């Protein structure tokens, strides 16, 4: 994964608990940066990275994810004290997604998502326990005729649910009932058969290996995330049955 250094803070995105912003990198590209010093701290960055790369492994479109480094000097040119504080609290390694200029928010009514896509997306979000793909905020963008997944900082809800990862890996994820594309997901079993085979143990190992040491809590190792994902994807998958049940209600 590439590492990009911040060159210029462009504008805040006043959405979400991570207080993201558009920042220009030293490669002259624009990125949506998620800051380590924001409310959920490194856990949100891990969720962004792991869930995003799982989605990519499954064949879903996700903007390029990069490591993004910040220096304290970047705060000096910002007049907003809140932004100054956020930058100073995030000095070092953060995470960012490639900015998609001209993209528009996904509207399921206008876009009429295909059953295969909707089912794949519901399956993925249930797998990674992503609570933030609702009608209120789809976290989907349409860009160059394709639908792109963004903002997975609220995935891996196990971070906030209490208990250990192992005991929660078999949970069905009841919040799938709120998924924006659940009404269109009529091919969940087909998606399950197709996608579960793609997320191999080797793929999981490659993904969790991307987590930087400095983001890990003292009592959490990369293997903790690897084992959680392996258990989630091992049959039988209660999250699949929960999604099918929720759709039938």
C-alpha atoms as a PDB file:
ATOM      1  CA  UNK A   1       0.000   0.000   0.000  1.00  0.00           C
ATOM      2  CA  UNK A   2       1.320   3.464  -0.857  1.00  0.00           C
ATOM      3  CA  UNK A   3       2.301   6.107   1.682  1.00  0.00           C
ATOM      4  CA  UNK A   4       1.459   9.741   0.897  1.00  0.00           C
ATOM      5  CA  UNK A   5       2.519  12.797   2.903  1.00  0.00           C
ATOM      6  CA  UNK A   6       0.171  15.718   3.480  1.00  0.00           C
ATOM      7  CA  UNK A   7       1.084  18.888   1.583  1.00  0.00           C
ATOM      8  CA  UNK A   8      -1.969  21.130   2.082  1.00  0.00           C
ATOM      9  CA  UNK A   9      -5.181  20.967   4.076  1.00  0.00           C
ATOM     10  CA  UNK A  10      -7.954  21.824   1.610  1.00  0.00           C
ATOM     11  CA  UNK A  11     -11.348  21.656   3.309  1.00  0.00           C
ATOM     12  CA  UNK A  12     -13.132  19.797   6.090  1.00  0.00           C
ATOM     13  CA  UNK A  13     -15.999  17.413   5.415  1.00  0.00           C
ATOM     14  CA  UNK A  14     -18.404  18.094   8.254  1.00  0.00           C
ATOM     15  CA  UNK A  15     -19.796  14.593   8.239  1.00  0.00           C
ATOM     16  CA  UNK A  16     -19.309  11.618  10.519  1.00  0.00           C
ATOM     17  CA  UNK A  17     -17.530  11.175  13.811  1.00  0.00           C
ATOM     18  CA  UNK A  18     -14.096  10.893  12.197  1.00  0.00           C
ATOM     19  CA  UNK A  19     -14.117  14.552  11.049  1.00  0.00           C
ATOM     20  CA  UNK A  20     -12.611  13.720   7.646  1.00  0.00           C
ATOM     21  CA  UNK A  21     -11.134  16.316   5.339  1.00  0.00           C
ATOM     22  CA  UNK A  22      -9.922  16.720   1.794  1.00  0.00           C
ATOM     23  CA  UNK A  23      -6.146  17.083   1.892  1.00  0.00           C
ATOM     24  CA  UNK A  24      -3.660  17.439  -0.937  1.00  0.00           C
ATOM     25  CA  UNK A  25      -0.824  14.940  -0.892  1.00  0.00           C
ATOM     26  CA  UNK A  26       2.788  15.372  -1.851  1.00  0.00           C
ATOM     27  CA  UNK A  27       1.957  13.539  -5.088  1.00  0.00           C
ATOM     28  CA  UNK A  28      -0.437  16.418  -5.989  1.00  0.00           C
ATOM     29  CA  UNK A  29      -3.440  14.119  -5.598  1.00  0.00           C
ATOM     30  CA  UNK A  30      -6.461  14.866  -3.422  1.00  0.00           C
ATOM     31  CA  UNK A  31      -7.456  12.484  -0.646  1.00  0.00           C
ATOM     32  CA  UNK A  32     -10.220  12.109   1.917  1.00  0.00           C
ATOM     33  CA  UNK A  33      -8.263  11.721   5.132  1.00  0.00           C
ATOM     34  CA  UNK A  34      -9.512   9.959   8.261  1.00  0.00           C
ATOM     35  CA  UNK A  35      -7.639  11.278  11.282  1.00  0.00           C
ATOM     36  CA  UNK A  36      -6.171   9.146  14.043  1.00  0.00           C
ATOM     37  CA  UNK A  37      -6.864  11.961  16.525  1.00  0.00           C
ATOM     38  CA  UNK A  38     -10.626  11.971  15.879  1.00  0.00           C
ATOM     39  CA  UNK A  39     -13.218  10.516  18.234  1.00  0.00           C
ATOM     40  CA  UNK A  40     -12.839   6.778  17.622  1.00  0.00           C
ATOM     41  CA  UNK A  41      -9.081   6.956  17.227  1.00  0.00           C
ATOM     42  CA  UNK A  42      -7.071   4.180  15.566  1.00  0.00           C
ATOM     43  CA  UNK A  43      -9.957   1.687  15.728  1.00  0.00           C
ATOM     44  CA  UNK A  44     -11.807   3.648  13.051  1.00  0.00           C
ATOM     45  CA  UNK A  45      -8.678   3.662  10.881  1.00  0.00           C
ATOM     46  CA  UNK A  46      -8.312  -0.101  11.240  1.00  0.00           C
ATOM     47  CA  UNK A  47     -11.964  -0.580  10.316  1.00  0.00           C
ATOM     48  CA  UNK A  48     -11.545   1.702   7.290  1.00  0.00           C
ATOM     49  CA  UNK A  49      -8.510  -0.180   6.095  1.00  0.00           C
ATOM     50  CA  UNK A  50      -9.610  -3.749   6.810  1.00  0.00           C
ATOM     51  CA  UNK A  51     -13.210  -3.430   5.619  1.00  0.00           C
ATOM     52  CA  UNK A  52     -12.185  -1.474   2.545  1.00  0.00           C
ATOM     53  CA  UNK A  53      -9.618  -4.047   1.496  1.00  0.00           C
ATOM     54  CA  UNK A  54     -12.032  -6.918   2.203  1.00  0.00           C
ATOM     55  CA  UNK A  55     -14.524  -5.220  -0.140  1.00  0.00           C
ATOM     56  CA  UNK A  56     -11.841  -4.883  -2.795  1.00  0.00           C
ATOM     57  CA  UNK A  57     -10.964  -8.569  -2.401  1.00  0.00           C
ATOM     58  CA  UNK A  58     -14.615  -9.403  -2.997  1.00  0.00           C
ATOM     59  CA  UNK A  59     -14.631  -7.440  -6.255  1.00  0.00           C
ATOM     60  CA  UNK A  60     -16.471  -4.366  -4.999  1.00  0.00           C
ATOM     61  CA  UNK A  61     -15.261  -0.893  -6.006  1.00  0.00           C
ATOM     62  CA  UNK A  62     -13.420   1.035  -3.292  1.00  0.00           C
ATOM     63  CA  UNK A  63     -11.241   4.116  -3.896  1.00  0.00           C
ATOM     64  CA  UNK A  64      -7.538   3.485  -3.425  1.00  0.00           C
ATOM     65  CA  UNK A  65      -6.652   3.420   0.273  1.00  0.00           C
ATOM     66  CA  UNK A  66      -3.276   4.867   1.280  1.00  0.00           C
ATOM     67  CA  UNK A  67      -1.328   5.484   4.432  1.00  0.00           C
ATOM     68  CA  UNK A  68      -1.287   9.248   4.970  1.00  0.00           C
ATOM     69  CA  UNK A  69       1.316  11.010   7.086  1.00  0.00           C
ATOM     70  CA  UNK A  70       0.789  14.347   8.809  1.00  0.00           C
ATOM     71  CA  UNK A  71       3.282  16.774  10.291  1.00  0.00           C
ATOM     72  CA  UNK A  72       2.416  19.241  13.061  1.00  0.00           C
ATOM     73  CA  UNK A  73       3.413  22.160  10.815  1.00  0.00           C
ATOM     74  CA  UNK A  74       0.299  21.567   8.713  1.00  0.00           C
ATOM     75  CA  UNK A  75      -1.809  23.011  11.542  1.00  0.00           C
ATOM     76  CA  UNK A  76      -0.114  26.407  11.451  1.00  0.00           C
ATOM     77  CA  UNK A  77      -1.910  27.569   8.321  1.00  0.00           C
ATOM     78  CA  UNK A  78      -5.372  26.633   9.626  1.00  0.00           C
ATOM     79  CA  UNK A  79      -7.421  29.384  11.306  1.00  0.00           C
ATOM     80  CA  UNK A  80      -9.946  26.965  12.845  1.00  0.00           C
ATOM     81  CA  UNK A  81      -8.786  25.909  16.333  1.00  0.00           C
ATOM     82  CA  UNK A  82     -10.704  22.625  16.089  1.00  0.00           C
ATOM     83  CA  UNK A  83      -8.877  21.695  12.894  1.00  0.00           C
ATOM     84  CA  UNK A  84      -5.539  22.739  14.411  1.00  0.00           C
ATOM     85  CA  UNK A  85      -6.177  20.490  17.402  1.00  0.00           C
ATOM     86  CA  UNK A  86      -7.247  17.577  15.203  1.00  0.00           C
ATOM     87  CA  UNK A  87      -4.136  17.805  13.037  1.00  0.00           C
ATOM     88  CA  UNK A  88      -1.805  18.003  16.036  1.00  0.00           C
ATOM     89  CA  UNK A  89      -3.520  14.997  17.598  1.00  0.00           C
ATOM     90  CA  UNK A  90      -3.058  13.066  14.352  1.00  0.00           C
ATOM     91  CA  UNK A  91       0.632  13.666  13.666  1.00  0.00           C
ATOM     92  CA  UNK A  92       2.097  10.522  12.168  1.00  0.00           C
ATOM     93  CA  UNK A  93       0.312   7.801  10.257  1.00  0.00           C
ATOM     94  CA  UNK A  94      -3.336   8.137   9.248  1.00  0.00           C
ATOM     95  CA  UNK A  95      -5.455   6.614   6.491  1.00  0.00           C
ATOM     96  CA  UNK A  96      -6.929   8.215   3.371  1.00  0.00           C
ATOM     97  CA  UNK A  97      -9.013   7.340   0.356  1.00  0.00           C
ATOM     98  CA  UNK A  98      -8.501   8.690  -3.125  1.00  0.00           C
ATOM     99  CA  UNK A  99     -10.880  11.618  -3.678  1.00  0.00           C
ATOM    100  CA  UNK A 100     -13.388  11.036  -6.504  1.00  0.00           C
ATOM    101  CA  UNK A 101     -13.963  14.468  -8.084  1.00  0.00           C
ATOM    102  CA  UNK A 102     -17.411  14.980  -9.554  1.00  0.00           C
ATOM    103  CA  UNK A 103     -18.909  11.929  -7.883  1.00  0.00           C
ATOM    104  CA  UNK A 104     -22.522  12.075  -6.716  1.00  0.00           C
ATOM    105  CA  UNK A 105     -24.324  10.384  -3.867  1.00  0.00           C
ATOM    106  CA  UNK A 106     -25.932   7.076  -4.735  1.00  0.00           C
ATOM    107  CA  UNK A 107     -29.731   7.163  -4.920  1.00  0.00           C
ATOM    108  CA  UNK A 108     -31.169   3.622  -4.870  1.00  0.00           C
ATOM    109  CA  UNK A 109     -34.446   4.790  -6.381  1.00  0.00           C
ATOM    110  CA  UNK A 110     -32.773   6.499  -9.332  1.00  0.00           C
ATOM    111  CA  UNK A 111     -30.018   3.932  -9.790  1.00  0.00           C
ATOM    112  CA  UNK A 112     -32.247   0.829  -9.456  1.00  0.00           C
ATOM    113  CA  UNK A 113     -29.432  -1.442  -8.231  1.00  0.00           C
ATOM    114  CA  UNK A 114     -29.204  -4.902  -9.719  1.00  0.00           C
ATOM    115  CA  UNK A 115     -30.011  -7.802  -7.417  1.00  0.00           C
ATOM    116  CA  UNK A 116     -26.506  -9.254  -7.733  1.00  0.00           C
ATOM    117  CA  UNK A 117     -24.840  -5.987  -6.679  1.00  0.00           C
ATOM    118  CA  UNK A 118     -27.300  -5.290  -3.867  1.00  0.00           C
ATOM    119  CA  UNK A 119     -26.926  -8.825  -2.543  1.00  0.00           C
ATOM    120  CA  UNK A 120     -23.131  -8.650  -2.672  1.00  0.00           C
ATOM    121  CA  UNK A 121     -23.112  -5.347  -0.808  1.00  0.00           C
ATOM    122  CA  UNK A 122     -25.519  -6.545   1.885  1.00  0.00           C
ATOM    123  CA  UNK A 123     -23.457  -9.717   2.308  1.00  0.00           C
ATOM    124  CA  UNK A 124     -20.229  -7.744   2.628  1.00  0.00           C
ATOM    125  CA  UNK A 125     -21.617  -5.231   5.133  1.00  0.00           C
ATOM    126  CA  UNK A 126     -23.075  -8.046   7.236  1.00  0.00           C
ATOM    127  CA  UNK A 127     -19.754  -9.883   7.148  1.00  0.00           C
ATOM    128  CA  UNK A 128     -17.777  -6.890   8.433  1.00  0.00           C
ATOM    129  CA  UNK A 129     -20.611  -5.706  10.711  1.00  0.00           C
ATOM    130  CA  UNK A 130     -20.882  -2.302   9.099  1.00  0.00           C
ATOM    131  CA  UNK A 131     -23.706  -0.354  10.741  1.00  0.00           C
ATOM    132  CA  UNK A 132     -23.392   2.671   8.454  1.00  0.00           C
ATOM    133  CA  UNK A 133     -25.066   1.865   5.133  1.00  0.00           C
ATOM    134  CA  UNK A 134     -28.588   3.114   5.746  1.00  0.00           C
ATOM    135  CA  UNK A 135     -31.093   5.232   3.792  1.00  0.00           C
ATOM    136  CA  UNK A 136     -29.997   8.200   5.886  1.00  0.00           C
ATOM    137  CA  UNK A 137     -26.395   7.830   4.733  1.00  0.00           C
ATOM    138  CA  UNK A 138     -25.637   5.263   2.057  1.00  0.00           C
ATOM    139  CA  UNK A 139     -21.865   5.850   1.969  1.00  0.00           C
ATOM    140  CA  UNK A 140     -22.003   5.060  -1.735  1.00  0.00           C
ATOM    141  CA  UNK A 141     -20.888   7.294  -4.591  1.00  0.00           C
ATOM    142  CA  UNK A 142     -21.533   7.072  -8.319  1.00  0.00           C
ATOM    143  CA  UNK A 143     -18.445   7.959 -10.323  1.00  0.00           C
ATOM    144  CA  UNK A 144     -17.699   7.227 -13.976  1.00  0.00           C
ATOM    145  CA  UNK A 145     -20.741   4.973 -14.203  1.00  0.00           C
ATOM    146  CA  UNK A 146     -19.776   2.746 -11.276  1.00  0.00           C
ATOM    147  CA  UNK A 147     -20.859   2.607  -7.649  1.00  0.00           C
ATOM    148  CA  UNK A 148     -18.059   3.085  -5.136  1.00  0.00           C
ATOM    149  CA  UNK A 149     -18.026   2.120  -1.452  1.00  0.00           C
ATOM    150  CA  UNK A 150     -16.684   4.713   0.983  1.00  0.00           C
ATOM    151  CA  UNK A 151     -16.411   5.361   4.716  1.00  0.00           C
ATOM    152  CA  UNK A 152     -16.047   2.066   6.573  1.00  0.00           C
ATOM    153  CA  UNK A 153     -14.914   3.527   9.879  1.00  0.00           C
ATOM    154  CA  UNK A 154     -18.083   2.206  11.542  1.00  0.00           C
ATOM    155  CA  UNK A 155     -17.442  -1.362  10.357  1.00  0.00           C
ATOM    156  CA  UNK A 156     -16.053  -4.031  12.684  1.00  0.00           C
ATOM    157  CA  UNK A 157     -18.700  -3.065  15.222  1.00  0.00           C
ATOM    158  CA  UNK A 158     -17.076  -5.576  17.548  1.00  0.00           C
ATOM    159  CA  UNK A 159     -14.712  -2.709  18.417  1.00  0.00           C
ATOM    160  CA  UNK A 160     -17.536  -1.011  20.308  1.00  0.00           C
ATOM    161  CA  UNK A 161     -19.930  -3.816  21.248  1.00  0.00           C
ATOM    162  CA  UNK A 162     -18.050  -5.143  24.249  1.00  0.00           C
ATOM    163  CA  UNK A 163     -16.779  -8.656  24.773  1.00  0.00           C
ATOM    164  CA  UNK A 164     -13.951 -10.274  22.872  1.00  0.00           C
ATOM    165  CA  UNK A 165     -13.631 -10.759  19.140  1.00  0.00           C
ATOM    166  CA  UNK A 166     -13.813 -14.554  19.303  1.00  0.00           C
ATOM    167  CA  UNK A 167     -17.110 -14.630  21.180  1.00  0.00           C
ATOM    168  CA  UNK A 168     -18.728 -12.169  18.771  1.00  0.00           C
ATOM    169  CA  UNK A 169     -17.534 -13.678  15.500  1.00  0.00           C
ATOM    170  CA  UNK A 170     -20.591 -15.925  15.211  1.00  0.00           C
ATOM    171  CA  UNK A 171     -23.116 -13.149  15.858  1.00  0.00           C
ATOM    172  CA  UNK A 172     -25.726 -12.710  13.106  1.00  0.00           C
ATOM    173  CA  UNK A 173     -25.595  -8.872  12.814  1.00  0.00           C
ATOM    174  CA  UNK A 174     -29.201  -7.883  13.445  1.00  0.00           C
ATOM    175  CA  UNK A 175     -28.597  -4.321  12.199  1.00  0.00           C
ATOM    176  CA  UNK A 176     -28.625  -5.634   8.638  1.00  0.00           C
ATOM    177  CA  UNK A 177     -32.375  -4.909   8.755  1.00  0.00           C
ATOM    178  CA  UNK A 178     -31.518  -1.210   8.292  1.00  0.00           C
ATOM    179  CA  UNK A 179     -29.358  -1.725   5.188  1.00  0.00           C
ATOM    180  CA  UNK A 180     -30.328   0.613   2.359  1.00  0.00           C
ATOM    181  CA  UNK A 181     -30.075  -2.090  -0.301  1.00  0.00           C
ATOM    182  CA  UNK A 182     -31.704  -4.948   1.598  1.00  0.00           C
ATOM    183  CA  UNK A 183     -35.006  -4.597  -0.340  1.00  0.00           C
ATOM    184  CA  UNK A 184     -33.084  -5.179  -3.589  1.00  0.00           C
ATOM    185  CA  UNK A 185     -30.972  -8.077  -2.298  1.00  0.00           C
ATOM    186  CA  UNK A 186     -32.930 -11.002  -3.679  1.00  0.00           C
ATOM    187  CA  UNK A 187     -29.845 -13.133  -4.452  1.00  0.00           C
ATOM    188  CA  UNK A 188     -28.237 -13.403  -1.045  1.00  0.00           C
ATOM    189  CA  UNK A 189     -27.571 -17.137  -1.210  1.00  0.00           C
ATOM    190  CA  UNK A 190     -25.993 -16.773  -4.644  1.00  0.00           C
ATOM    191  CA  UNK A 191     -23.833 -13.916  -3.336  1.00  0.00           C
ATOM    192  CA  UNK A 192     -22.850 -16.025  -0.336  1.00  0.00           C
ATOM    193  CA  UNK A 193     -21.694 -18.894  -2.509  1.00  0.00           C
ATOM    194  CA  UNK A 194     -19.740 -16.571  -4.778  1.00  0.00           C
ATOM    195  CA  UNK A 195     -18.122 -14.269  -2.217  1.00  0.00           C
ATOM    196  CA  UNK A 196     -17.258 -16.623   0.634  1.00  0.00           C
ATOM    197  CA  UNK A 197     -14.946 -18.520  -1.685  1.00  0.00           C
ATOM    198  CA  UNK A 198     -13.050 -15.339  -2.543  1.00  0.00           C
ATOM    199  CA  UNK A 199     -12.167 -14.393   1.027  1.00  0.00           C
ATOM    200  CA  UNK A 200      -9.591 -17.105   1.583  1.00  0.00           C
ATOM    201  CA  UNK A 201      -7.375 -17.420   4.681  1.00  0.00           C
ATOM    202  CA  UNK A 202      -4.460 -16.193   2.564  1.00  0.00           C
ATOM    203  CA  UNK A 203      -6.414 -13.108   1.497  1.00  0.00           C
ATOM    204  CA  UNK A 204      -7.339 -12.388   5.102  1.00  0.00           C
ATOM    205  CA  UNK A 205      -3.694 -12.658   6.149  1.00  0.00           C
ATOM    206  CA  UNK A 206      -2.655 -10.213   3.422  1.00  0.00           C
ATOM    207  CA  UNK A 207      -5.273  -7.706   4.524  1.00  0.00           C
ATOM    208  CA  UNK A 208      -4.589  -7.757   8.267  1.00  0.00           C
ATOM    209  CA  UNK A 209      -0.852  -7.554   7.576  1.00  0.00           C
ATOM    210  CA  UNK A 210      -1.524  -4.000   6.345  1.00  0.00           C
ATOM    211  CA  UNK A 211      -2.509  -2.805   9.851  1.00  0.00           C
ATOM    212  CA  UNK A 212       0.345  -0.646  11.198  1.00  0.00           C
ATOM    213  CA  UNK A 213       1.785  -1.566  14.584  1.00  0.00           C
ATOM    214  CA  UNK A 214       1.046   1.877  15.980  1.00  0.00           C
ATOM    215  CA  UNK A 215      -2.701   1.519  15.406  1.00  0.00           C
ATOM    216  CA  UNK A 216      -3.011  -1.697  17.404  1.00  0.00           C
ATOM    217  CA  UNK A 217      -4.184  -1.627  21.004  1.00  0.00           C
ATOM    218  CA  UNK A 218      -1.948  -3.289  23.572  1.00  0.00           C
ATOM    219  CA  UNK A 219      -4.339  -6.220  23.988  1.00  0.00           C
ATOM    220  CA  UNK A 220      -5.124  -6.671  20.275  1.00  0.00           C
ATOM    221  CA  UNK A 221      -2.957  -8.308  17.631  1.00  0.00           C
ATOM    222  CA  UNK A 222      -3.301  -8.647  13.889  1.00  0.00           C
ATOM    223  CA  UNK A 223      -4.133 -12.300  14.454  1.00  0.00           C
ATOM    224  CA  UNK A 224      -7.161 -11.157  16.468  1.00  0.00           C
ATOM    225  CA  UNK A 225      -8.592  -9.540  13.346  1.00  0.00           C
ATOM    226  CA  UNK A 226      -7.556 -12.456  11.138  1.00  0.00           C
ATOM    227  CA  UNK A 227      -9.267 -14.987  13.379  1.00  0.00           C
ATOM    228  CA  UNK A 228     -12.392 -12.850  13.608  1.00  0.00           C
ATOM    229  CA  UNK A 229     -12.696 -12.660   9.809  1.00  0.00           C
ATOM    230  CA  UNK A 230     -11.921 -16.362   9.369  1.00  0.00           C
ATOM    231  CA  UNK A 231     -14.675 -17.261  11.812  1.00  0.00           C
ATOM    232  CA  UNK A 232     -17.118 -14.832  10.188  1.00  0.00           C
ATOM    233  CA  UNK A 233     -16.614 -16.346   6.751  1.00  0.00           C
ATOM    234  CA  UNK A 234     -16.673 -19.993   7.891  1.00  0.00           C
ATOM    235  CA  UNK A 235     -19.919 -21.850   7.232  1.00  0.00           C
ATOM    236  CA  UNK A 236     -22.520 -21.821   8.544  1.00  0.00           C
ATOM    237  CA  UNK A 237     -22.714 -18.031   8.419  1.00  0.00           C
ATOM    238  CA  UNK A 238     -25.417 -16.731  10.796  1.00  0.00           C
ATOM    239  CA  UNK A 239     -25.209 -13.248   9.279  1.00  0.00           C
ATOM    240  CA  UNK A 240     -26.464 -14.669   5.963  1.00  0.00           C
ATOM    241  CA  UNK A 241     -29.529 -16.248   7.547  1.00  0.00           C
ATOM    242  CA  UNK A 242     -30.198 -13.063   9.489  1.00  0.00           C
ATOM    243  CA  UNK A 243     -30.102 -11.003   6.289  1.00  0.00           C
ATOM    244  CA  UNK A 244     -32.481 -13.413   4.548  1.00  0.00           C
ATOM    245  CA  UNK A 245     -34.810 -13.353   7.543  1.00  0.00           C
ATOM    246  CA  UNK A 246     -34.738  -9.531   7.771  1.00  0.00           C
ATOM    247  CA  UNK A 247     -35.516  -9.206   4.086  1.00  0.00           C
ATOM    248  CA  UNK A 248     -38.557 -11.454   4.441  1.00  0.00           C
ATOM    249  CA  UNK A 249     -40.121  -9.322   7.190  1.00  0.00           C
END
